[in-house]
Amino acid sequence: MSNDRLSGVALIAGSVGMIITMGLHPSGHIPAADTVPMIRKIIAVHGLALACLPILFLGTLGLSRRIACDNHLALIGVVFYAFGLFAVMNAGAANGLVFPVLLRRIADSAGSPQAIETWRLISRYNFYVNQAYAQLFVAASSVAIFLWSASIWRSRELGRGLGIYGCLLGPVTLGALFSGHLNLDVHGFGIVVLGQAIWFMVAGKRLWGGKNNKQPLPA
């Protein structure tokens, strides 16, 4: 299998995994009786998301080599996306690994209002940390998609329609984020993931169906 096809599969698989994650992500108030099964679900969906991150990075690395041209936009895009993946990895760890521990502490503190309030304060702090990392990911990944799309437009690789979509998606997402109109709860973050997944899956499909790229991926 060629490097282009491997990269295409990675982009599609990683994107599908992220969509499944957001589709199964719990939201709203968690009843005390559902704490244990909800903890398992939270760990499972975030474990899937964390597993998708290196797959997406490998896919974008192959994508960048395919669309690279003299202006280095694709390379800069990889740098921004790697920064964003590091941020969302921390967000996933905070929400998928730290938050379940806090839920257990809250459940174990039943009958002690002071202890419950203490763990809830810590949980709230963990939420704000999660939100900060999520914002960094949305900003960095939007810049990356814009740069890749500009490179696609200039190199005429993978179709200009994909380039136009990405050149619109990146700035629109950034505008919504910085204006405060994009709330990064489960639904808002899910919209971002879906919009980016469409771009990645189209790119992955075109990498799969395009001409073979003989350049090897870096060891």
N, C-alpha and C. Protein backbone atom coordinates (compact mmCIF):
# COMPACT_ATOMS: atom_id res chain seq x y z
N MET A 1 0.85 -1.20 0.00
CA MET A 1 0.00 0.00 0.00
C MET A 1 0.88 1.24 0.00
N SER A 2 0.56 2.23 -0.83
CA SER A 2 1.37 3.44 -0.94
C SER A 2 1.22 4.31 0.30
N ASN A 3 2.18 5.25 0.46
CA ASN A 3 2.12 6.17 1.59
C ASN A 3 0.87 7.04 1.53
N ASP A 4 0.46 7.45 0.33
CA ASP A 4 -0.75 8.25 0.19
C ASP A 4 -1.96 7.49 0.72
N ARG A 5 -2.06 6.23 0.36
CA ARG A 5 -3.21 5.45 0.79
C ARG A 5 -3.20 5.21 2.30
N LEU A 6 -2.03 4.94 2.85
CA LEU A 6 -1.92 4.78 4.30
C LEU A 6 -2.33 6.07 5.02
N SER A 7 -1.90 7.20 4.48
CA SER A 7 -2.26 8.49 5.08
C SER A 7 -3.76 8.73 4.96
N GLY A 8 -4.33 8.36 3.82
CA GLY A 8 -5.77 8.52 3.64
C GLY A 8 -6.56 7.68 4.62
N VAL A 9 -6.14 6.43 4.80
CA VAL A 9 -6.81 5.56 5.77
C VAL A 9 -6.71 6.14 7.18
N ALA A 10 -5.54 6.66 7.53
CA ALA A 10 -5.35 7.24 8.86
C ALA A 10 -6.26 8.44 9.08
N LEU A 11 -6.38 9.30 8.09
CA LEU A 11 -7.26 10.47 8.22
C LEU A 11 -8.71 10.06 8.39
N ILE A 12 -9.14 9.10 7.59
CA ILE A 12 -10.54 8.66 7.67
C ILE A 12 -10.81 7.94 8.99
N ALA A 13 -9.93 7.02 9.37
CA ALA A 13 -10.13 6.26 10.60
C ALA A 13 -10.11 7.17 11.83
N GLY A 14 -9.14 8.09 11.87
CA GLY A 14 -9.07 9.00 13.00
C GLY A 14 -10.29 9.90 13.09
N SER A 15 -10.77 10.36 11.95
CA SER A 15 -11.94 11.24 11.94
C SER A 15 -13.20 10.51 12.36
N VAL A 16 -13.37 9.28 11.88
CA VAL A 16 -14.53 8.48 12.28
C VAL A 16 -14.50 8.23 13.79
N GLY A 17 -13.31 7.93 14.31
CA GLY A 17 -13.18 7.72 15.75
C GLY A 17 -13.57 8.95 16.56
N MET A 18 -13.19 10.13 16.08
CA MET A 18 -13.54 11.37 16.79
C MET A 18 -15.03 11.64 16.73
N ILE A 19 -15.66 11.33 15.59
CA ILE A 19 -17.11 11.51 15.47
C ILE A 19 -17.84 10.57 16.43
N ILE A 20 -17.38 9.31 16.51
CA ILE A 20 -17.99 8.36 17.44
C ILE A 20 -17.83 8.86 18.88
N THR A 21 -16.66 9.38 19.19
CA THR A 21 -16.40 9.91 20.53
C THR A 21 -17.41 10.98 20.90
N MET A 22 -17.60 11.94 20.00
CA MET A 22 -18.52 13.04 20.31
C MET A 22 -19.98 12.57 20.33
N GLY A 23 -20.29 11.57 19.50
CA GLY A 23 -21.65 11.04 19.50
C GLY A 23 -22.00 10.32 20.79
N LEU A 24 -21.02 9.68 21.42
CA LEU A 24 -21.25 8.92 22.64
C LEU A 24 -20.91 9.69 23.91
N HIS A 25 -20.35 10.89 23.75
CA HIS A 25 -19.90 11.67 24.90
C HIS A 25 -21.08 12.03 25.81
N PRO A 26 -20.99 11.72 27.11
CA PRO A 26 -22.08 12.08 28.03
C PRO A 26 -22.22 13.59 28.15
N SER A 27 -23.42 14.03 28.42
CA SER A 27 -23.66 15.47 28.63
C SER A 27 -24.75 15.63 29.67
N GLY A 28 -24.76 16.79 30.31
CA GLY A 28 -25.79 17.07 31.29
C GLY A 28 -25.46 16.53 32.67
N HIS A 29 -26.43 16.60 33.55
CA HIS A 29 -26.26 16.17 34.94
C HIS A 29 -26.17 14.65 35.02
N ILE A 30 -25.30 14.16 35.89
CA ILE A 30 -25.12 12.73 36.09
C ILE A 30 -25.79 12.32 37.40
N PRO A 31 -26.89 11.56 37.36
CA PRO A 31 -27.54 11.12 38.60
C PRO A 31 -26.60 10.24 39.42
N ALA A 32 -26.76 10.30 40.74
CA ALA A 32 -25.88 9.53 41.62
C ALA A 32 -25.95 8.04 41.34
N ALA A 33 -27.13 7.53 40.99
CA ALA A 33 -27.29 6.10 40.73
C ALA A 33 -26.55 5.66 39.47
N ASP A 34 -26.27 6.59 38.57
CA ASP A 34 -25.61 6.26 37.29
C ASP A 34 -24.12 6.56 37.31
N THR A 35 -23.57 6.86 38.48
CA THR A 35 -22.18 7.30 38.54
C THR A 35 -21.21 6.25 38.01
N VAL A 36 -21.34 5.00 38.47
CA VAL A 36 -20.38 3.95 38.08
C VAL A 36 -20.42 3.66 36.59
N PRO A 37 -21.62 3.38 35.99
CA PRO A 37 -21.62 3.15 34.54
C PRO A 37 -21.20 4.37 33.73
N MET A 38 -21.50 5.58 34.24
CA MET A 38 -21.11 6.79 33.53
C MET A 38 -19.59 6.97 33.56
N ILE A 39 -18.97 6.61 34.67
CA ILE A 39 -17.51 6.69 34.76
C ILE A 39 -16.88 5.79 33.71
N ARG A 40 -17.40 4.58 33.57
CA ARG A 40 -16.87 3.65 32.57
C ARG A 40 -17.04 4.21 31.16
N LYS A 41 -18.19 4.81 30.91
CA LYS A 41 -18.45 5.36 29.58
C LYS A 41 -17.52 6.53 29.29
N ILE A 42 -17.31 7.40 30.29
CA ILE A 42 -16.43 8.55 30.11
C ILE A 42 -15.01 8.09 29.77
N ILE A 43 -14.54 7.10 30.51
CA ILE A 43 -13.18 6.60 30.27
C ILE A 43 -13.08 5.97 28.88
N ALA A 44 -14.11 5.22 28.48
CA ALA A 44 -14.09 4.53 27.19
C ALA A 44 -14.07 5.51 26.02
N VAL A 45 -14.96 6.51 26.04
CA VAL A 45 -15.04 7.42 24.90
C VAL A 45 -13.80 8.30 24.81
N HIS A 46 -13.26 8.69 25.95
CA HIS A 46 -12.04 9.51 25.90
C HIS A 46 -10.82 8.67 25.57
N GLY A 47 -10.84 7.40 25.96
CA GLY A 47 -9.77 6.51 25.53
C GLY A 47 -9.74 6.36 24.02
N LEU A 48 -10.93 6.25 23.41
CA LEU A 48 -11.01 6.19 21.95
C LEU A 48 -10.47 7.46 21.32
N ALA A 49 -10.86 8.61 21.87
CA ALA A 49 -10.39 9.89 21.33
C ALA A 49 -8.87 10.00 21.42
N LEU A 50 -8.30 9.62 22.55
CA LEU A 50 -6.85 9.71 22.72
C LEU A 50 -6.13 8.77 21.76
N ALA A 51 -6.73 7.61 21.49
CA ALA A 51 -6.12 6.67 20.55
C ALA A 51 -6.14 7.21 19.12
N CYS A 52 -7.12 8.05 18.82
CA CYS A 52 -7.24 8.61 17.46
C CYS A 52 -6.21 9.70 17.17
N LEU A 53 -5.68 10.33 18.21
CA LEU A 53 -4.79 11.48 18.00
C LEU A 53 -3.51 11.13 17.24
N PRO A 54 -2.76 10.09 17.64
CA PRO A 54 -1.56 9.76 16.84
C PRO A 54 -1.91 9.29 15.43
N ILE A 55 -3.06 8.66 15.28
CA ILE A 55 -3.49 8.23 13.94
C ILE A 55 -3.73 9.45 13.05
N LEU A 56 -4.40 10.46 13.59
CA LEU A 56 -4.64 11.69 12.83
C LEU A 56 -3.33 12.39 12.51
N PHE A 57 -2.41 12.39 13.46
CA PHE A 57 -1.13 13.06 13.20
C PHE A 57 -0.39 12.38 12.04
N LEU A 58 -0.36 11.05 12.04
CA LEU A 58 0.29 10.32 10.96
C LEU A 58 -0.38 10.63 9.62
N GLY A 59 -1.71 10.72 9.64
CA GLY A 59 -2.44 11.05 8.41
C GLY A 59 -2.11 12.44 7.90
N THR A 60 -2.06 13.40 8.81
CA THR A 60 -1.76 14.78 8.40
C THR A 60 -0.31 14.93 7.96
N LEU A 61 0.57 14.11 8.53
CA LEU A 61 1.96 14.15 8.10
C LEU A 61 2.09 13.71 6.64
N GLY A 62 1.39 12.62 6.29
CA GLY A 62 1.39 12.18 4.90
C GLY A 62 0.69 13.16 3.98
N LEU A 63 -0.40 13.75 4.46
CA LEU A 63 -1.10 14.76 3.68
C LEU A 63 -0.19 15.94 3.37
N SER A 64 0.55 16.39 4.37
CA SER A 64 1.42 17.56 4.20
C SER A 64 2.52 17.28 3.19
N ARG A 65 3.05 16.07 3.18
CA ARG A 65 4.08 15.73 2.20
C ARG A 65 3.49 15.72 0.79
N ARG A 66 2.24 15.33 0.67
CA ARG A 66 1.61 15.27 -0.66
C ARG A 66 1.35 16.65 -1.23
N ILE A 67 0.91 17.59 -0.38
CA ILE A 67 0.50 18.90 -0.88
C ILE A 67 1.60 19.94 -0.72
N ALA A 68 2.78 19.52 -0.24
CA ALA A 68 3.85 20.49 0.02
C ALA A 68 4.27 21.19 -1.25
N CYS A 69 4.52 22.48 -1.13
CA CYS A 69 5.06 23.27 -2.23
C CYS A 69 6.11 24.23 -1.67
N ASP A 70 6.62 25.11 -2.49
CA ASP A 70 7.78 25.92 -2.10
C ASP A 70 7.51 26.90 -0.97
N ASN A 71 6.23 27.20 -0.67
CA ASN A 71 5.95 28.22 0.34
C ASN A 71 5.91 27.66 1.77
N HIS A 72 6.07 26.34 1.95
CA HIS A 72 6.15 25.72 3.27
C HIS A 72 4.86 25.84 4.09
N LEU A 73 3.75 26.16 3.46
CA LEU A 73 2.49 26.28 4.21
C LEU A 73 2.10 24.95 4.83
N ALA A 74 2.29 23.86 4.09
CA ALA A 74 1.91 22.54 4.61
C ALA A 74 2.72 22.17 5.85
N LEU A 75 4.01 22.47 5.82
CA LEU A 75 4.88 22.17 6.96
C LEU A 75 4.46 22.99 8.19
N ILE A 76 4.16 24.27 7.98
CA ILE A 76 3.71 25.11 9.10
C ILE A 76 2.39 24.58 9.64
N GLY A 77 1.55 24.09 8.74
CA GLY A 77 0.27 23.51 9.16
C GLY A 77 0.48 22.32 10.08
N VAL A 78 1.46 21.46 9.78
CA VAL A 78 1.76 20.31 10.63
C VAL A 78 2.19 20.77 12.02
N VAL A 79 3.00 21.81 12.09
CA VAL A 79 3.47 22.33 13.37
C VAL A 79 2.29 22.81 14.22
N PHE A 80 1.40 23.58 13.61
CA PHE A 80 0.22 24.07 14.33
C PHE A 80 -0.67 22.91 14.77
N TYR A 81 -0.84 21.92 13.90
CA TYR A 81 -1.72 20.81 14.24
C TYR A 81 -1.12 19.96 15.36
N ALA A 82 0.18 19.75 15.34
CA ALA A 82 0.83 19.01 16.41
C ALA A 82 0.64 19.73 17.75
N PHE A 83 0.76 21.06 17.73
CA PHE A 83 0.52 21.85 18.94
C PHE A 83 -0.93 21.66 19.42
N GLY A 84 -1.86 21.69 18.46
CA GLY A 84 -3.27 21.49 18.81
C GLY A 84 -3.55 20.11 19.35
N LEU A 85 -2.92 19.08 18.77
CA LEU A 85 -3.11 17.71 19.26
C LEU A 85 -2.58 17.55 20.68
N PHE A 86 -1.46 18.20 20.97
CA PHE A 86 -0.94 18.15 22.33
C PHE A 86 -1.93 18.78 23.30
N ALA A 87 -2.53 19.88 22.90
CA ALA A 87 -3.51 20.55 23.76
C ALA A 87 -4.75 19.68 23.98
N VAL A 88 -5.28 19.09 22.90
CA VAL A 88 -6.50 18.30 23.05
C VAL A 88 -6.21 16.98 23.75
N MET A 89 -4.96 16.50 23.68
CA MET A 89 -4.59 15.33 24.47
C MET A 89 -4.72 15.64 25.96
N ASN A 90 -4.28 16.82 26.36
CA ASN A 90 -4.42 17.23 27.76
C ASN A 90 -5.89 17.42 28.14
N ALA A 91 -6.69 17.95 27.21
CA ALA A 91 -8.12 18.10 27.47
C ALA A 91 -8.77 16.73 27.66
N GLY A 92 -8.41 15.78 26.79
CA GLY A 92 -8.96 14.44 26.90
C GLY A 92 -8.54 13.75 28.19
N ALA A 93 -7.30 13.97 28.61
CA ALA A 93 -6.84 13.38 29.86
C ALA A 93 -7.57 13.99 31.06
N ALA A 94 -7.77 15.32 31.01
CA ALA A 94 -8.46 15.99 32.12
C ALA A 94 -9.91 15.52 32.23
N ASN A 95 -10.57 15.37 31.09
CA ASN A 95 -11.99 15.02 31.10
C ASN A 95 -12.22 13.52 31.17
N GLY A 96 -11.27 12.73 30.64
CA GLY A 96 -11.49 11.30 30.57
C GLY A 96 -10.77 10.49 31.62
N LEU A 97 -9.75 11.07 32.26
CA LEU A 97 -8.98 10.33 33.26
C LEU A 97 -9.06 10.99 34.64
N VAL A 98 -8.99 12.32 34.68
CA VAL A 98 -9.05 13.02 35.96
C VAL A 98 -10.49 13.14 36.46
N PHE A 99 -11.40 13.55 35.57
CA PHE A 99 -12.80 13.76 35.98
C PHE A 99 -13.44 12.51 36.57
N PRO A 100 -13.24 11.30 36.01
CA PRO A 100 -13.82 10.11 36.65
C PRO A 100 -13.34 9.90 38.08
N VAL A 101 -12.08 10.21 38.35
CA VAL A 101 -11.57 10.10 39.73
C VAL A 101 -12.31 11.06 40.64
N LEU A 102 -12.55 12.27 40.14
CA LEU A 102 -13.28 13.27 40.95
C LEU A 102 -14.71 12.83 41.18
N LEU A 103 -15.33 12.22 40.18
CA LEU A 103 -16.69 11.70 40.36
C LEU A 103 -16.74 10.64 41.45
N ARG A 104 -15.74 9.77 41.46
CA ARG A 104 -15.69 8.74 42.50
C ARG A 104 -15.53 9.38 43.88
N ARG A 105 -14.70 10.41 43.96
CA ARG A 105 -14.50 11.08 45.25
C ARG A 105 -15.79 11.74 45.73
N ILE A 106 -16.52 12.33 44.81
CA ILE A 106 -17.78 12.96 45.17
C ILE A 106 -18.77 11.91 45.66
N ALA A 107 -18.85 10.77 44.94
CA ALA A 107 -19.76 9.70 45.34
C ALA A 107 -19.37 9.12 46.69
N ASP A 108 -18.07 8.98 46.93
CA ASP A 108 -17.60 8.41 48.20
C ASP A 108 -17.79 9.37 49.37
N SER A 109 -18.02 10.65 49.07
CA SER A 109 -18.16 11.65 50.13
C SER A 109 -19.61 11.87 50.53
N ALA A 110 -20.50 10.98 50.09
CA ALA A 110 -21.92 11.12 50.44
C ALA A 110 -22.08 11.16 51.96
N GLY A 111 -22.85 12.12 52.44
CA GLY A 111 -23.05 12.29 53.87
C GLY A 111 -22.13 13.33 54.49
N SER A 112 -21.20 13.83 53.66
CA SER A 112 -20.29 14.87 54.15
C SER A 112 -20.36 16.06 53.20
N PRO A 113 -21.27 16.99 53.45
CA PRO A 113 -21.44 18.13 52.53
C PRO A 113 -20.17 18.92 52.30
N GLN A 114 -19.34 19.07 53.32
CA GLN A 114 -18.11 19.83 53.16
C GLN A 114 -17.15 19.13 52.19
N ALA A 115 -17.03 17.81 52.31
CA ALA A 115 -16.16 17.06 51.41
C ALA A 115 -16.69 17.09 49.98
N ILE A 116 -18.01 16.95 49.84
CA ILE A 116 -18.62 17.00 48.51
C ILE A 116 -18.34 18.33 47.84
N GLU A 117 -18.50 19.42 48.59
CA GLU A 117 -18.27 20.75 48.03
C GLU A 117 -16.81 20.94 47.63
N THR A 118 -15.90 20.39 48.43
CA THR A 118 -14.47 20.49 48.10
C THR A 118 -14.16 19.79 46.79
N TRP A 119 -14.66 18.57 46.63
CA TRP A 119 -14.40 17.83 45.39
C TRP A 119 -15.09 18.48 44.20
N ARG A 120 -16.24 19.09 44.43
CA ARG A 120 -16.92 19.80 43.34
C ARG A 120 -16.13 21.02 42.90
N LEU A 121 -15.51 21.71 43.83
CA LEU A 121 -14.66 22.85 43.47
C LEU A 121 -13.47 22.39 42.63
N ILE A 122 -12.87 21.27 43.04
CA ILE A 122 -11.75 20.73 42.26
C ILE A 122 -12.23 20.30 40.88
N SER A 123 -13.42 19.71 40.83
CA SER A 123 -13.99 19.29 39.54
C SER A 123 -14.24 20.48 38.63
N ARG A 124 -14.69 21.58 39.23
CA ARG A 124 -14.94 22.79 38.44
C ARG A 124 -13.63 23.35 37.89
N TYR A 125 -12.59 23.33 38.71
CA TYR A 125 -11.28 23.77 38.23
C TYR A 125 -10.80 22.89 37.07
N ASN A 126 -11.00 21.59 37.20
CA ASN A 126 -10.62 20.66 36.14
C ASN A 126 -11.38 20.96 34.85
N PHE A 127 -12.64 21.37 34.99
CA PHE A 127 -13.44 21.75 33.82
C PHE A 127 -12.84 22.95 33.11
N TYR A 128 -12.42 23.95 33.88
CA TYR A 128 -11.84 25.15 33.27
C TYR A 128 -10.51 24.83 32.58
N VAL A 129 -9.73 23.93 33.16
CA VAL A 129 -8.49 23.49 32.51
C VAL A 129 -8.82 22.80 31.20
N ASN A 130 -9.82 21.93 31.22
CA ASN A 130 -10.26 21.24 30.01
C ASN A 130 -10.68 22.22 28.93
N GLN A 131 -11.42 23.24 29.32
CA GLN A 131 -11.89 24.24 28.36
C GLN A 131 -10.73 25.02 27.75
N ALA A 132 -9.73 25.34 28.57
CA ALA A 132 -8.58 26.08 28.05
C ALA A 132 -7.85 25.27 26.99
N TYR A 133 -7.62 24.00 27.25
CA TYR A 133 -6.95 23.14 26.28
C TYR A 133 -7.80 22.95 25.03
N ALA A 134 -9.12 22.84 25.21
CA ALA A 134 -10.01 22.70 24.06
C ALA A 134 -9.94 23.94 23.16
N GLN A 135 -9.88 25.12 23.76
CA GLN A 135 -9.77 26.35 22.99
C GLN A 135 -8.46 26.39 22.21
N LEU A 136 -7.38 25.97 22.84
CA LEU A 136 -6.09 25.93 22.15
C LEU A 136 -6.16 24.98 20.94
N PHE A 137 -6.79 23.83 21.13
CA PHE A 137 -6.91 22.88 20.03
C PHE A 137 -7.71 23.47 18.88
N VAL A 138 -8.86 24.05 19.18
CA VAL A 138 -9.72 24.60 18.14
C VAL A 138 -8.97 25.68 17.36
N ALA A 139 -8.27 26.56 18.07
CA ALA A 139 -7.53 27.64 17.41
C ALA A 139 -6.40 27.08 16.54
N ALA A 140 -5.57 26.21 17.11
CA ALA A 140 -4.41 25.70 16.38
C ALA A 140 -4.82 24.83 15.20
N SER A 141 -5.81 23.96 15.39
CA SER A 141 -6.24 23.08 14.30
C SER A 141 -6.92 23.87 13.19
N SER A 142 -7.62 24.94 13.54
CA SER A 142 -8.26 25.77 12.51
C SER A 142 -7.21 26.48 11.66
N VAL A 143 -6.15 26.97 12.30
CA VAL A 143 -5.06 27.58 11.55
C VAL A 143 -4.41 26.54 10.64
N ALA A 144 -4.21 25.32 11.16
CA ALA A 144 -3.58 24.27 10.36
C ALA A 144 -4.41 23.94 9.13
N ILE A 145 -5.71 23.78 9.30
CA ILE A 145 -6.57 23.45 8.16
C ILE A 145 -6.57 24.58 7.14
N PHE A 146 -6.55 25.81 7.61
CA PHE A 146 -6.48 26.94 6.68
C PHE A 146 -5.18 26.90 5.88
N LEU A 147 -4.06 26.63 6.55
CA LEU A 147 -2.76 26.59 5.86
C LEU A 147 -2.71 25.43 4.88
N TRP A 148 -3.19 24.26 5.28
CA TRP A 148 -3.22 23.13 4.35
C TRP A 148 -4.10 23.44 3.14
N SER A 149 -5.22 24.09 3.40
CA SER A 149 -6.15 24.40 2.31
C SER A 149 -5.53 25.41 1.35
N ALA A 150 -4.81 26.39 1.90
CA ALA A 150 -4.12 27.34 1.04
C ALA A 150 -3.06 26.64 0.20
N SER A 151 -2.37 25.67 0.80
CA SER A 151 -1.36 24.92 0.06
C SER A 151 -2.02 24.06 -1.01
N ILE A 152 -3.18 23.48 -0.71
CA ILE A 152 -3.93 22.70 -1.70
C ILE A 152 -4.32 23.59 -2.88
N TRP A 153 -4.75 24.80 -2.58
CA TRP A 153 -5.15 25.74 -3.62
C TRP A 153 -3.95 26.08 -4.52
N ARG A 154 -2.79 26.31 -3.90
CA ARG A 154 -1.61 26.70 -4.66
C ARG A 154 -1.03 25.53 -5.45
N SER A 155 -1.02 24.35 -4.83
CA SER A 155 -0.40 23.20 -5.48
C SER A 155 -1.35 22.48 -6.44
N ARG A 156 -2.65 22.78 -6.31
CA ARG A 156 -3.69 22.14 -7.13
C ARG A 156 -3.76 20.63 -6.90
N GLU A 157 -3.33 20.21 -5.73
CA GLU A 157 -3.45 18.82 -5.32
C GLU A 157 -4.77 18.63 -4.58
N LEU A 158 -5.40 17.48 -4.78
CA LEU A 158 -6.60 17.03 -4.04
C LEU A 158 -7.85 17.84 -4.34
N GLY A 159 -7.80 18.76 -5.27
CA GLY A 159 -9.00 19.48 -5.69
C GLY A 159 -9.17 20.81 -5.00
N ARG A 160 -9.50 21.81 -5.76
CA ARG A 160 -9.64 23.16 -5.20
C ARG A 160 -10.88 23.31 -4.33
N GLY A 161 -11.89 22.46 -4.56
CA GLY A 161 -13.07 22.51 -3.70
C GLY A 161 -12.72 22.26 -2.24
N LEU A 162 -11.84 21.30 -2.00
CA LEU A 162 -11.39 21.03 -0.63
C LEU A 162 -10.63 22.22 -0.08
N GLY A 163 -9.82 22.85 -0.93
CA GLY A 163 -9.08 24.03 -0.51
C GLY A 163 -10.00 25.18 -0.14
N ILE A 164 -11.04 25.38 -0.93
CA ILE A 164 -12.00 26.46 -0.64
C ILE A 164 -12.72 26.20 0.67
N TYR A 165 -13.15 24.95 0.87
CA TYR A 165 -13.87 24.59 2.10
C TYR A 165 -13.00 24.86 3.33
N GLY A 166 -11.74 24.43 3.27
CA GLY A 166 -10.84 24.63 4.40
C GLY A 166 -10.50 26.09 4.63
N CYS A 167 -10.36 26.86 3.55
CA CYS A 167 -10.05 28.29 3.69
C CYS A 167 -11.21 29.05 4.30
N LEU A 168 -12.42 28.52 4.16
CA LEU A 168 -13.59 29.12 4.82
C LEU A 168 -13.77 28.59 6.24
N LEU A 169 -13.59 27.27 6.40
CA LEU A 169 -13.81 26.64 7.70
C LEU A 169 -12.88 27.19 8.77
N GLY A 170 -11.60 27.32 8.45
CA GLY A 170 -10.64 27.79 9.45
C GLY A 170 -10.97 29.17 10.00
N PRO A 171 -11.08 30.20 9.15
CA PRO A 171 -11.39 31.55 9.65
C PRO A 171 -12.76 31.65 10.32
N VAL A 172 -13.77 30.95 9.79
CA VAL A 172 -15.10 31.01 10.41
C VAL A 172 -15.05 30.44 11.83
N THR A 173 -14.36 29.31 11.99
CA THR A 173 -14.23 28.72 13.33
C THR A 173 -13.48 29.64 14.27
N LEU A 174 -12.39 30.22 13.79
CA LEU A 174 -11.62 31.14 14.62
C LEU A 174 -12.46 32.37 15.01
N GLY A 175 -13.21 32.88 14.03
CA GLY A 175 -14.06 34.04 14.32
C GLY A 175 -15.11 33.73 15.37
N ALA A 176 -15.73 32.55 15.27
CA ALA A 176 -16.74 32.15 16.25
C ALA A 176 -16.11 31.96 17.63
N LEU A 177 -14.89 31.40 17.65
CA LEU A 177 -14.22 31.16 18.93
C LEU A 177 -13.84 32.46 19.61
N PHE A 178 -13.17 33.35 18.89
CA PHE A 178 -12.66 34.58 19.51
C PHE A 178 -13.75 35.60 19.78
N SER A 179 -14.88 35.48 19.09
CA SER A 179 -16.00 36.40 19.35
C SER A 179 -16.85 35.94 20.52
N GLY A 180 -16.60 34.74 21.00
CA GLY A 180 -17.37 34.21 22.12
C GLY A 180 -18.65 33.52 21.72
N HIS A 181 -18.91 33.36 20.42
CA HIS A 181 -20.13 32.72 19.96
C HIS A 181 -20.03 31.20 19.92
N LEU A 182 -18.81 30.67 20.07
CA LEU A 182 -18.61 29.23 20.05
C LEU A 182 -18.40 28.72 21.46
N ASN A 183 -19.41 28.07 22.00
CA ASN A 183 -19.34 27.49 23.33
C ASN A 183 -18.81 26.07 23.21
N LEU A 184 -17.68 25.79 23.83
CA LEU A 184 -17.04 24.49 23.66
C LEU A 184 -17.56 23.47 24.67
N ASP A 185 -18.90 23.36 24.75
CA ASP A 185 -19.49 22.24 25.47
C ASP A 185 -19.52 21.04 24.53
N VAL A 186 -20.21 19.98 24.89
CA VAL A 186 -20.23 18.78 24.06
C VAL A 186 -20.77 19.10 22.67
N HIS A 187 -21.82 19.91 22.59
CA HIS A 187 -22.43 20.21 21.29
C HIS A 187 -21.55 21.14 20.45
N GLY A 188 -21.01 22.20 21.08
CA GLY A 188 -20.18 23.13 20.34
C GLY A 188 -18.90 22.49 19.85
N PHE A 189 -18.24 21.74 20.73
CA PHE A 189 -17.01 21.06 20.33
C PHE A 189 -17.32 19.99 19.30
N GLY A 190 -18.49 19.36 19.43
CA GLY A 190 -18.89 18.35 18.45
C GLY A 190 -19.05 18.94 17.06
N ILE A 191 -19.56 20.16 16.97
CA ILE A 191 -19.71 20.82 15.67
C ILE A 191 -18.34 21.07 15.05
N VAL A 192 -17.39 21.51 15.87
CA VAL A 192 -16.02 21.73 15.37
C VAL A 192 -15.43 20.43 14.86
N VAL A 193 -15.56 19.36 15.64
CA VAL A 193 -15.02 18.06 15.26
C VAL A 193 -15.66 17.58 13.96
N LEU A 194 -16.96 17.75 13.82
CA LEU A 194 -17.65 17.31 12.61
C LEU A 194 -17.18 18.09 11.39
N GLY A 195 -17.08 19.42 11.53
CA GLY A 195 -16.63 20.25 10.41
C GLY A 195 -15.23 19.88 9.96
N GLN A 196 -14.33 19.62 10.92
CA GLN A 196 -12.97 19.24 10.56
C GLN A 196 -12.93 17.82 10.02
N ALA A 197 -13.76 16.93 10.58
CA ALA A 197 -13.77 15.54 10.12
C ALA A 197 -14.19 15.44 8.65
N ILE A 198 -15.14 16.28 8.24
CA ILE A 198 -15.54 16.29 6.84
C ILE A 198 -14.35 16.64 5.96
N TRP A 199 -13.60 17.65 6.36
CA TRP A 199 -12.42 18.06 5.59
C TRP A 199 -11.39 16.92 5.53
N PHE A 200 -11.11 16.32 6.68
CA PHE A 200 -10.12 15.24 6.73
C PHE A 200 -10.56 14.01 5.94
N MET A 201 -11.83 13.67 6.01
CA MET A 201 -12.30 12.47 5.31
C MET A 201 -12.28 12.67 3.80
N VAL A 202 -12.63 13.87 3.34
CA VAL A 202 -12.55 14.15 1.91
C VAL A 202 -11.09 14.09 1.45
N ALA A 203 -10.21 14.70 2.26
CA ALA A 203 -8.78 14.65 1.93
C ALA A 203 -8.28 13.21 1.93
N GLY A 204 -8.71 12.42 2.91
CA GLY A 204 -8.31 11.03 2.99
C GLY A 204 -8.79 10.22 1.80
N LYS A 205 -10.02 10.47 1.37
CA LYS A 205 -10.55 9.76 0.21
C LYS A 205 -9.76 10.10 -1.05
N ARG A 206 -9.37 11.34 -1.18
CA ARG A 206 -8.62 11.75 -2.38
C ARG A 206 -7.18 11.25 -2.33
N LEU A 207 -6.61 11.15 -1.12
CA LEU A 207 -5.30 10.54 -1.00
C LEU A 207 -5.37 9.06 -1.40
N TRP A 208 -6.43 8.40 -1.00
CA TRP A 208 -6.60 6.98 -1.34
C TRP A 208 -6.74 6.78 -2.84
N GLY A 209 -7.49 7.65 -3.48
CA GLY A 209 -7.78 7.46 -4.90
C GLY A 209 -6.82 8.14 -5.83
N GLY A 210 -5.85 8.93 -5.29
CA GLY A 210 -4.95 9.68 -6.15
C GLY A 210 -3.77 8.85 -6.61
N LYS A 211 -2.89 9.53 -7.31
CA LYS A 211 -1.67 8.88 -7.77
C LYS A 211 -0.76 8.55 -6.61
N ASN A 212 -0.04 7.46 -6.74
CA ASN A 212 0.86 7.02 -5.67
C ASN A 212 1.98 8.05 -5.46
N ASN A 213 2.24 8.30 -4.23
CA ASN A 213 3.36 9.17 -3.88
C ASN A 213 4.52 8.29 -3.47
N LYS A 214 5.61 8.36 -4.17
CA LYS A 214 6.74 7.47 -3.93
C LYS A 214 7.64 7.91 -2.78
N GLN A 215 7.41 9.13 -2.25
CA GLN A 215 8.26 9.61 -1.16
C GLN A 215 7.94 8.84 0.11
N PRO A 216 8.96 8.28 0.78
CA PRO A 216 8.70 7.56 2.01
C PRO A 216 8.41 8.51 3.17
N LEU A 217 7.60 8.04 4.10
CA LEU A 217 7.38 8.82 5.30
C LEU A 217 8.63 8.79 6.16
N PRO A 218 8.89 9.84 6.93
CA PRO A 218 10.10 9.87 7.75
C PRO A 218 10.09 8.76 8.78
N ALA A 219 11.26 8.22 9.04
CA ALA A 219 11.37 7.13 10.02
C ALA A 219 11.17 7.68 11.43
